[in-house]
Amino acid sequence: MLHVFKKKTLNYFKKTNDLLFLGKFRFIVHIEEAMKTMKKMGFNSKDIDDVKNIFASTNFYLLSVTIVIVSFHVSILSLTIIIQGSK
């Protein structure tokens, strides 16, 4: 007697529909243009891949908060230099 079994196929892929907000899209396009500029400036592929890895492995919101805080600190620093220079 010969037993024939049906072969089961399992679907391991999960389809997700994530929304890509306009701000995140603009950020991605800006980073892509920055990478092209870095290549024109003479950076090698390994350096550019390292920068891409920073952006890819870091949470987008954490990266955004970091950029805002750094911008705030730079503006405060430049303001203090301007005030000290005018004395």
Foldseek 3Di string as FASTA:
>chain_A
DDDDDDDDDDDPDDDDDDDQDPVNVVVVVVLVVVLVVVVVVPDDPVVSVVVVCVVVVDDPVVVVVVVVVVVVVVVVVVVVVVVVVVD
